[in-house]
Amino acid sequence: MPTEQRKRRVNLMLAPDVIAALKARGSMSAQVDKILREALGL
């Protein structure tokens, strides 16, 4: 996969209830990526 298409590591500070809800849905990283993509129209 080309470098520009690879995911990069970032640090986020999230509220405990947000973290719990994301973890309950499965992979937290994948969920955050999906939610942000939808919110940004990507």
N, C-alpha and C. Protein backbone atom coordinates (compact mmCIF):
# COMPACT_ATOMS: atom_id res chain seq x y z
N MET A 1 0.85 -1.17 0.00
CA MET A 1 0.00 0.00 0.00
C MET A 1 0.90 1.24 0.00
N PRO A 2 0.59 2.21 -0.86
CA PRO A 2 1.40 3.43 -0.90
C PRO A 2 1.37 4.17 0.44
N THR A 3 2.45 4.82 0.77
CA THR A 3 2.58 5.52 2.05
C THR A 3 1.44 6.50 2.30
N GLU A 4 1.02 7.24 1.29
CA GLU A 4 -0.03 8.25 1.48
C GLU A 4 -1.39 7.64 1.80
N GLN A 5 -1.57 6.33 1.57
CA GLN A 5 -2.84 5.66 1.85
C GLN A 5 -2.82 4.91 3.19
N ARG A 6 -1.65 4.80 3.80
CA ARG A 6 -1.55 4.07 5.07
C ARG A 6 -2.12 4.90 6.21
N LYS A 7 -2.70 4.21 7.16
CA LYS A 7 -3.20 4.90 8.35
C LYS A 7 -2.03 5.33 9.21
N ARG A 8 -2.21 6.41 9.94
CA ARG A 8 -1.18 6.93 10.83
C ARG A 8 -1.70 6.93 12.26
N ARG A 9 -0.78 6.79 13.18
CA ARG A 9 -1.13 6.79 14.60
C ARG A 9 -1.31 8.23 15.09
N VAL A 10 -2.39 8.46 15.83
CA VAL A 10 -2.64 9.75 16.47
C VAL A 10 -3.10 9.50 17.90
N ASN A 11 -2.95 10.50 18.73
CA ASN A 11 -3.41 10.40 20.12
C ASN A 11 -4.62 11.29 20.30
N LEU A 12 -5.67 10.75 20.91
CA LEU A 12 -6.89 11.50 21.20
C LEU A 12 -7.22 11.37 22.67
N MET A 13 -7.78 12.41 23.22
CA MET A 13 -8.30 12.33 24.57
C MET A 13 -9.81 12.31 24.45
N LEU A 14 -10.44 11.25 24.95
CA LEU A 14 -11.88 11.08 24.86
C LEU A 14 -12.46 10.85 26.25
N ALA A 15 -13.72 11.21 26.41
CA ALA A 15 -14.41 10.99 27.68
C ALA A 15 -14.55 9.49 27.93
N PRO A 16 -14.53 9.08 29.19
CA PRO A 16 -14.64 7.65 29.52
C PRO A 16 -15.88 6.98 28.94
N ASP A 17 -17.02 7.68 28.91
CA ASP A 17 -18.23 7.06 28.37
C ASP A 17 -18.14 6.86 26.85
N VAL A 18 -17.43 7.76 26.17
CA VAL A 18 -17.22 7.61 24.73
C VAL A 18 -16.34 6.40 24.46
N ILE A 19 -15.29 6.26 25.24
CA ILE A 19 -14.37 5.11 25.09
C ILE A 19 -15.13 3.81 25.33
N ALA A 20 -15.93 3.77 26.37
CA ALA A 20 -16.69 2.55 26.69
C ALA A 20 -17.64 2.20 25.56
N ALA A 21 -18.32 3.20 24.99
CA ALA A 21 -19.27 2.93 23.91
C ALA A 21 -18.54 2.43 22.66
N LEU A 22 -17.38 3.01 22.35
CA LEU A 22 -16.61 2.56 21.19
C LEU A 22 -16.09 1.14 21.38
N LYS A 23 -15.58 0.84 22.56
CA LYS A 23 -15.07 -0.51 22.84
C LYS A 23 -16.19 -1.54 22.77
N ALA A 24 -17.39 -1.16 23.18
CA ALA A 24 -18.52 -2.09 23.15
C ALA A 24 -18.90 -2.46 21.72
N ARG A 25 -18.57 -1.59 20.77
CA ARG A 25 -18.89 -1.85 19.35
C ARG A 25 -17.82 -2.68 18.66
N GLY A 26 -16.71 -2.94 19.31
CA GLY A 26 -15.64 -3.71 18.68
C GLY A 26 -14.36 -2.91 18.64
N SER A 27 -13.67 -2.98 17.52
CA SER A 27 -12.39 -2.29 17.36
C SER A 27 -12.57 -0.78 17.49
N MET A 28 -12.00 -0.21 18.55
CA MET A 28 -12.17 1.20 18.79
C MET A 28 -11.58 2.03 17.65
N SER A 29 -10.43 1.66 17.16
CA SER A 29 -9.78 2.40 16.08
C SER A 29 -10.65 2.40 14.82
N ALA A 30 -11.17 1.25 14.46
CA ALA A 30 -12.01 1.14 13.27
C ALA A 30 -13.29 1.94 13.43
N GLN A 31 -13.87 1.93 14.62
CA GLN A 31 -15.10 2.68 14.87
C GLN A 31 -14.87 4.18 14.78
N VAL A 32 -13.77 4.66 15.37
CA VAL A 32 -13.46 6.09 15.31
C VAL A 32 -13.24 6.50 13.86
N ASP A 33 -12.51 5.69 13.11
CA ASP A 33 -12.25 5.98 11.70
C ASP A 33 -13.57 6.08 10.92
N LYS A 34 -14.44 5.12 11.13
CA LYS A 34 -15.74 5.10 10.43
C LYS A 34 -16.58 6.31 10.79
N ILE A 35 -16.68 6.63 12.07
CA ILE A 35 -17.50 7.75 12.53
C ILE A 35 -16.95 9.07 12.00
N LEU A 36 -15.65 9.25 12.03
CA LEU A 36 -15.05 10.49 11.53
C LEU A 36 -15.22 10.62 10.02
N ARG A 37 -15.07 9.52 9.29
CA ARG A 37 -15.26 9.56 7.85
C ARG A 37 -16.69 9.99 7.50
N GLU A 38 -17.67 9.42 8.20
CA GLU A 38 -19.07 9.77 7.96
C GLU A 38 -19.33 11.24 8.31
N ALA A 39 -18.79 11.70 9.44
CA ALA A 39 -19.01 13.08 9.89
C ALA A 39 -18.36 14.08 8.92
N LEU A 40 -17.26 13.69 8.31
CA LEU A 40 -16.53 14.58 7.40
C LEU A 40 -16.95 14.41 5.95
N GLY A 41 -17.85 13.48 5.70
CA GLY A 41 -18.32 13.25 4.33
C GLY A 41 -17.27 12.63 3.43
N LEU A 42 -16.44 11.77 3.98
CA LEU A 42 -15.38 11.10 3.20
C LEU A 42 -15.79 9.70 2.76
